[in-house]
């Protein structure tokens, strides 16, 4: 069974990286503040570990952000642990916020692959949408712009990722889609 996978650029990833940098910096500063103003042993120890983890995560993230190294580093895991520390300190609202940001980060880092098969189109929205060829009136790839025209008058149009542009032959792709639309 023939299929095509086209990668769309993830516009949210860049914004998420800057927000991640900011939240790690704020966590580092606030945990440090709580550590120096802690009244109990448990609060002092928890805030110290929070400071160490957030500072280490910040350093690793900066290295990854500016050099591209440490590609296996996932700040979302650090955020989950930091949210546990906030829960232990009794700051549930901040813990829930950090946990929500961690979950959002797993989605923000996702690659947006549009998959075209003989049975239909899988589009990477949230939640993922599947369109049968009977729901589509036209599909075209021209000059690295993907256009999906649905029969319900909805138009999906996106510039494809530069790396994906060289991997897909426009003529072959358009012929494949025309055959699928014709029901051949």
C-alpha atoms as a PDB file:
ATOM      1  CA  UNK A   1       0.000   0.000   0.000  1.00  0.00           C
ATOM      2  CA  UNK A   2       1.452   3.316  -1.111  1.00  0.00           C
ATOM      3  CA  UNK A   3       1.536   6.270   1.260  1.00  0.00           C
ATOM      4  CA  UNK A   4       3.075   9.701   1.604  1.00  0.00           C
ATOM      5  CA  UNK A   5       4.100  11.454   4.789  1.00  0.00           C
ATOM      6  CA  UNK A   6       4.500  15.213   4.712  1.00  0.00           C
ATOM      7  CA  UNK A   7       6.001  17.072   7.657  1.00  0.00           C
ATOM      8  CA  UNK A   8       4.480  20.436   8.591  1.00  0.00           C
ATOM      9  CA  UNK A   9       6.502  23.005  10.538  1.00  0.00           C
ATOM     10  CA  UNK A  10       5.776  23.198  14.247  1.00  0.00           C
ATOM     11  CA  UNK A  11       5.192  26.908  14.817  1.00  0.00           C
ATOM     12  CA  UNK A  12       4.496  26.433  18.531  1.00  0.00           C
ATOM     13  CA  UNK A  13       7.847  24.803  19.308  1.00  0.00           C
ATOM     14  CA  UNK A  14       9.871  28.024  19.204  1.00  0.00           C
ATOM     15  CA  UNK A  15       7.462  29.851  21.506  1.00  0.00           C
ATOM     16  CA  UNK A  16       7.369  26.879  23.862  1.00  0.00           C
ATOM     17  CA  UNK A  17      11.177  26.866  24.091  1.00  0.00           C
ATOM     18  CA  UNK A  18      11.274  30.517  25.191  1.00  0.00           C
ATOM     19  CA  UNK A  19       8.480  29.985  27.714  1.00  0.00           C
ATOM     20  CA  UNK A  20      10.295  26.881  29.006  1.00  0.00           C
ATOM     21  CA  UNK A  21      13.460  28.907  29.493  1.00  0.00           C
ATOM     22  CA  UNK A  22      11.502  31.548  31.413  1.00  0.00           C
ATOM     23  CA  UNK A  23       9.671  29.029  33.623  1.00  0.00           C
ATOM     24  CA  UNK A  24      12.889  27.168  34.469  1.00  0.00           C
ATOM     25  CA  UNK A  25      14.545  30.459  35.418  1.00  0.00           C
ATOM     26  CA  UNK A  26      11.577  31.480  37.589  1.00  0.00           C
ATOM     27  CA  UNK A  27      11.514  28.047  39.278  1.00  0.00           C
ATOM     28  CA  UNK A  28      15.212  28.315  40.025  1.00  0.00           C
ATOM     29  CA  UNK A  29      14.819  31.756  41.575  1.00  0.00           C
ATOM     30  CA  UNK A  30      11.674  30.949  43.566  1.00  0.00           C
ATOM     31  CA  UNK A  31      13.014  27.639  44.909  1.00  0.00           C
ATOM     32  CA  UNK A  32      16.189  29.491  45.921  1.00  0.00           C
ATOM     33  CA  UNK A  33      14.136  32.165  47.651  1.00  0.00           C
ATOM     34  CA  UNK A  34      12.072  29.534  49.494  1.00  0.00           C
ATOM     35  CA  UNK A  35      15.272  27.720  50.518  1.00  0.00           C
ATOM     36  CA  UNK A  36      16.820  30.834  52.095  1.00  0.00           C
ATOM     37  CA  UNK A  37      13.568  31.724  53.861  1.00  0.00           C
ATOM     38  CA  UNK A  38      12.525  28.204  54.897  1.00  0.00           C
ATOM     39  CA  UNK A  39      11.463  27.763  58.499  1.00  0.00           C
ATOM     40  CA  UNK A  40      11.376  23.968  58.763  1.00  0.00           C
ATOM     41  CA  UNK A  41      13.802  21.166  57.952  1.00  0.00           C
ATOM     42  CA  UNK A  42      11.416  19.496  55.497  1.00  0.00           C
ATOM     43  CA  UNK A  43      10.716  22.749  53.662  1.00  0.00           C
ATOM     44  CA  UNK A  44      14.419  23.569  53.531  1.00  0.00           C
ATOM     45  CA  UNK A  45      15.385  20.150  52.135  1.00  0.00           C
ATOM     46  CA  UNK A  46      12.587  20.087  49.548  1.00  0.00           C
ATOM     47  CA  UNK A  47      13.331  23.606  48.336  1.00  0.00           C
ATOM     48  CA  UNK A  48      17.068  22.797  48.156  1.00  0.00           C
ATOM     49  CA  UNK A  49      16.357  19.796  45.927  1.00  0.00           C
ATOM     50  CA  UNK A  50      13.975  21.949  43.867  1.00  0.00           C
ATOM     51  CA  UNK A  51      16.678  24.575  43.456  1.00  0.00           C
ATOM     52  CA  UNK A  52      19.261  21.982  42.401  1.00  0.00           C
ATOM     53  CA  UNK A  53      16.899  20.313  39.923  1.00  0.00           C
ATOM     54  CA  UNK A  54      15.649  23.560  38.411  1.00  0.00           C
ATOM     55  CA  UNK A  55      19.199  24.958  38.112  1.00  0.00           C
ATOM     56  CA  UNK A  56      20.479  21.736  36.525  1.00  0.00           C
ATOM     57  CA  UNK A  57      17.498  21.698  34.147  1.00  0.00           C
ATOM     58  CA  UNK A  58      18.121  25.333  33.274  1.00  0.00           C
ATOM     59  CA  UNK A  59      21.784  24.675  32.457  1.00  0.00           C
ATOM     60  CA  UNK A  60      20.944  21.590  30.372  1.00  0.00           C
ATOM     61  CA  UNK A  61      18.181  23.442  28.563  1.00  0.00           C
ATOM     62  CA  UNK A  62      20.461  26.396  27.758  1.00  0.00           C
ATOM     63  CA  UNK A  63      23.090  24.014  26.375  1.00  0.00           C
ATOM     64  CA  UNK A  64      20.420  22.304  24.261  1.00  0.00           C
ATOM     65  CA  UNK A  65      18.844  25.625  23.232  1.00  0.00           C
ATOM     66  CA  UNK A  66      22.009  27.292  21.968  1.00  0.00           C
ATOM     67  CA  UNK A  67      24.131  24.375  20.744  1.00  0.00           C
ATOM     68  CA  UNK A  68      21.564  21.775  19.711  1.00  0.00           C
ATOM     69  CA  UNK A  69      23.424  19.167  21.749  1.00  0.00           C
ATOM     70  CA  UNK A  70      21.719  17.006  24.381  1.00  0.00           C
ATOM     71  CA  UNK A  71      18.837  16.251  22.043  1.00  0.00           C
ATOM     72  CA  UNK A  72      17.595  13.525  24.389  1.00  0.00           C
ATOM     73  CA  UNK A  73      17.019  16.047  27.205  1.00  0.00           C
ATOM     74  CA  UNK A  74      13.295  16.548  27.863  1.00  0.00           C
ATOM     75  CA  UNK A  75      12.416  19.465  30.161  1.00  0.00           C
ATOM     76  CA  UNK A  76       8.905  18.040  30.597  1.00  0.00           C
ATOM     77  CA  UNK A  77      10.271  15.327  32.877  1.00  0.00           C
ATOM     78  CA  UNK A  78      11.998  17.968  35.017  1.00  0.00           C
ATOM     79  CA  UNK A  79       8.729  19.902  35.188  1.00  0.00           C
ATOM     80  CA  UNK A  80       6.863  16.834  36.434  1.00  0.00           C
ATOM     81  CA  UNK A  81       9.427  16.363  39.227  1.00  0.00           C
ATOM     82  CA  UNK A  82       9.362  20.096  40.027  1.00  0.00           C
ATOM     83  CA  UNK A  83       5.566  19.977  40.287  1.00  0.00           C
ATOM     84  CA  UNK A  84       5.920  17.143  42.830  1.00  0.00           C
ATOM     85  CA  UNK A  85       8.276  19.357  44.855  1.00  0.00           C
ATOM     86  CA  UNK A  86       5.709  22.174  44.754  1.00  0.00           C
ATOM     87  CA  UNK A  87       3.026  19.756  45.949  1.00  0.00           C
ATOM     88  CA  UNK A  88       5.326  18.683  48.798  1.00  0.00           C
ATOM     89  CA  UNK A  89       5.783  22.339  49.758  1.00  0.00           C
ATOM     90  CA  UNK A  90       2.002  22.779  49.838  1.00  0.00           C
ATOM     91  CA  UNK A  91       1.784  25.091  46.828  1.00  0.00           C
ATOM     92  CA  UNK A  92      -0.799  23.089  44.885  1.00  0.00           C
ATOM     93  CA  UNK A  93      -1.773  25.786  42.386  1.00  0.00           C
ATOM     94  CA  UNK A  94       1.819  26.258  41.232  1.00  0.00           C
ATOM     95  CA  UNK A  95       2.307  22.477  41.146  1.00  0.00           C
ATOM     96  CA  UNK A  96      -0.771  22.053  38.940  1.00  0.00           C
ATOM     97  CA  UNK A  97       0.416  24.866  36.649  1.00  0.00           C
ATOM     98  CA  UNK A  98       3.868  23.299  36.229  1.00  0.00           C
ATOM     99  CA  UNK A  99       2.324  19.869  35.663  1.00  0.00           C
ATOM    100  CA  UNK A 100      -0.040  21.294  33.026  1.00  0.00           C
ATOM    101  CA  UNK A 101       2.916  22.996  31.329  1.00  0.00           C
ATOM    102  CA  UNK A 102       4.800  19.676  31.276  1.00  0.00           C
ATOM    103  CA  UNK A 103       1.880  17.900  29.614  1.00  0.00           C
ATOM    104  CA  UNK A 104       1.522  20.747  27.116  1.00  0.00           C
ATOM    105  CA  UNK A 105       5.227  20.436  26.344  1.00  0.00           C
ATOM    106  CA  UNK A 106       4.874  16.830  25.264  1.00  0.00           C
ATOM    107  CA  UNK A 107       2.326  17.964  22.682  1.00  0.00           C
ATOM    108  CA  UNK A 108       4.246  21.103  21.645  1.00  0.00           C
ATOM    109  CA  UNK A 109       7.350  19.080  20.787  1.00  0.00           C
ATOM    110  CA  UNK A 110       5.420  16.683  18.579  1.00  0.00           C
ATOM    111  CA  UNK A 111       6.140  16.448  14.876  1.00  0.00           C
ATOM    112  CA  UNK A 112       3.202  17.301  12.643  1.00  0.00           C
ATOM    113  CA  UNK A 113       3.052  14.568  10.017  1.00  0.00           C
ATOM    114  CA  UNK A 114       0.218  14.546   7.491  1.00  0.00           C
ATOM    115  CA  UNK A 115      -0.142  10.968   6.246  1.00  0.00           C
ATOM    116  CA  UNK A 116      -1.783  10.219   2.903  1.00  0.00           C
ATOM    117  CA  UNK A 117      -2.763   6.601   2.278  1.00  0.00           C
ATOM    118  CA  UNK A 118      -5.139   4.909  -0.130  1.00  0.00           C
ATOM    119  CA  UNK A 119      -7.740   4.779   2.649  1.00  0.00           C
ATOM    120  CA  UNK A 120      -7.590   8.492   3.559  1.00  0.00           C
ATOM    121  CA  UNK A 121      -5.724  11.378   5.137  1.00  0.00           C
ATOM    122  CA  UNK A 122      -4.551  11.597   8.745  1.00  0.00           C
ATOM    123  CA  UNK A 123      -4.119  15.208   9.845  1.00  0.00           C
ATOM    124  CA  UNK A 124      -2.145  16.071  13.031  1.00  0.00           C
ATOM    125  CA  UNK A 125      -4.582  18.265  14.905  1.00  0.00           C
ATOM    126  CA  UNK A 126      -5.633  17.821  18.506  1.00  0.00           C
ATOM    127  CA  UNK A 127      -7.293  15.368  18.519  1.00  0.00           C
ATOM    128  CA  UNK A 128      -5.934  13.800  15.371  1.00  0.00           C
ATOM    129  CA  UNK A 129      -8.385  13.931  12.451  1.00  0.00           C
ATOM    130  CA  UNK A 130      -8.887  11.307   9.786  1.00  0.00           C
ATOM    131  CA  UNK A 131     -10.490  12.224   6.492  1.00  0.00           C
ATOM    132  CA  UNK A 132     -11.709   9.663   4.019  1.00  0.00           C
ATOM    133  CA  UNK A 133     -11.204  10.431   0.343  1.00  0.00           C
ATOM    134  CA  UNK A 134     -14.978  10.754   0.007  1.00  0.00           C
ATOM    135  CA  UNK A 135     -14.794  13.835   2.314  1.00  0.00           C
ATOM    136  CA  UNK A 136     -12.131  15.539   0.181  1.00  0.00           C
ATOM    137  CA  UNK A 137     -12.732  17.428  -3.043  1.00  0.00           C
ATOM    138  CA  UNK A 138      -9.095  18.196  -3.926  1.00  0.00           C
ATOM    139  CA  UNK A 139      -5.521  17.811  -2.659  1.00  0.00           C
ATOM    140  CA  UNK A 140      -2.549  19.548  -4.198  1.00  0.00           C
ATOM    141  CA  UNK A 141       1.107  20.102  -3.414  1.00  0.00           C
ATOM    142  CA  UNK A 142       2.603  23.010  -5.323  1.00  0.00           C
ATOM    143  CA  UNK A 143       5.720  25.044  -4.517  1.00  0.00           C
ATOM    144  CA  UNK A 144       5.978  23.452  -1.052  1.00  0.00           C
ATOM    145  CA  UNK A 145       2.429  24.487  -0.143  1.00  0.00           C
ATOM    146  CA  UNK A 146       0.023  21.691   0.747  1.00  0.00           C
ATOM    147  CA  UNK A 147      -3.643  22.393   0.070  1.00  0.00           C
ATOM    148  CA  UNK A 148      -6.459  20.098   1.206  1.00  0.00           C
ATOM    149  CA  UNK A 149      -9.907  21.201   0.043  1.00  0.00           C
ATOM    150  CA  UNK A 150     -12.681  19.423   1.915  1.00  0.00           C
ATOM    151  CA  UNK A 151     -16.226  18.977   0.611  1.00  0.00           C
ATOM    152  CA  UNK A 152     -17.644  20.811   3.645  1.00  0.00           C
ATOM    153  CA  UNK A 153     -16.019  24.036   2.294  1.00  0.00           C
ATOM    154  CA  UNK A 154     -13.145  23.829   4.768  1.00  0.00           C
ATOM    155  CA  UNK A 155      -9.716  24.584   3.340  1.00  0.00           C
ATOM    156  CA  UNK A 156      -6.496  23.396   4.985  1.00  0.00           C
ATOM    157  CA  UNK A 157      -3.381  25.043   3.660  1.00  0.00           C
ATOM    158  CA  UNK A 158       0.151  24.893   5.046  1.00  0.00           C
ATOM    159  CA  UNK A 159       3.733  25.402   3.963  1.00  0.00           C
ATOM    160  CA  UNK A 160       5.569  22.112   4.392  1.00  0.00           C
ATOM    161  CA  UNK A 161       8.808  21.683   6.363  1.00  0.00           C
ATOM    162  CA  UNK A 162      11.937  22.389   4.320  1.00  0.00           C
ATOM    163  CA  UNK A 163      13.361  18.924   5.035  1.00  0.00           C
ATOM    164  CA  UNK A 164      10.150  17.264   3.871  1.00  0.00           C
ATOM    165  CA  UNK A 165      10.015  19.356   0.686  1.00  0.00           C
ATOM    166  CA  UNK A 166      12.938  17.571  -0.950  1.00  0.00           C
ATOM    167  CA  UNK A 167      11.655  14.101  -0.059  1.00  0.00           C
ATOM    168  CA  UNK A 168       8.290  14.317  -1.822  1.00  0.00           C
ATOM    169  CA  UNK A 169       8.004  14.497  -5.600  1.00  0.00           C
ATOM    170  CA  UNK A 170       5.158  16.930  -6.269  1.00  0.00           C
ATOM    171  CA  UNK A 171       4.027  15.294  -9.527  1.00  0.00           C
ATOM    172  CA  UNK A 172       3.962  11.771  -8.061  1.00  0.00           C
ATOM    173  CA  UNK A 173       2.155  12.984  -4.966  1.00  0.00           C
ATOM    174  CA  UNK A 174      -0.470  14.921  -6.958  1.00  0.00           C
ATOM    175  CA  UNK A 175      -1.042  11.905  -9.224  1.00  0.00           C
ATOM    176  CA  UNK A 176      -1.453   9.626  -6.203  1.00  0.00           C
ATOM    177  CA  UNK A 177      -4.006  11.991  -4.668  1.00  0.00           C
ATOM    178  CA  UNK A 178      -5.894  12.343  -7.978  1.00  0.00           C
ATOM    179  CA  UNK A 179      -6.153   8.533  -8.247  1.00  0.00           C
ATOM    180  CA  UNK A 180      -7.377   8.257  -4.648  1.00  0.00           C
ATOM    181  CA  UNK A 181      -9.955  10.996  -5.246  1.00  0.00           C
ATOM    182  CA  UNK A 182     -11.159   9.257  -8.416  1.00  0.00           C
ATOM    183  CA  UNK A 183     -11.494   6.023  -6.458  1.00  0.00           C
ATOM    184  CA  UNK A 184      -9.081   4.047  -8.649  1.00  0.00           C
END
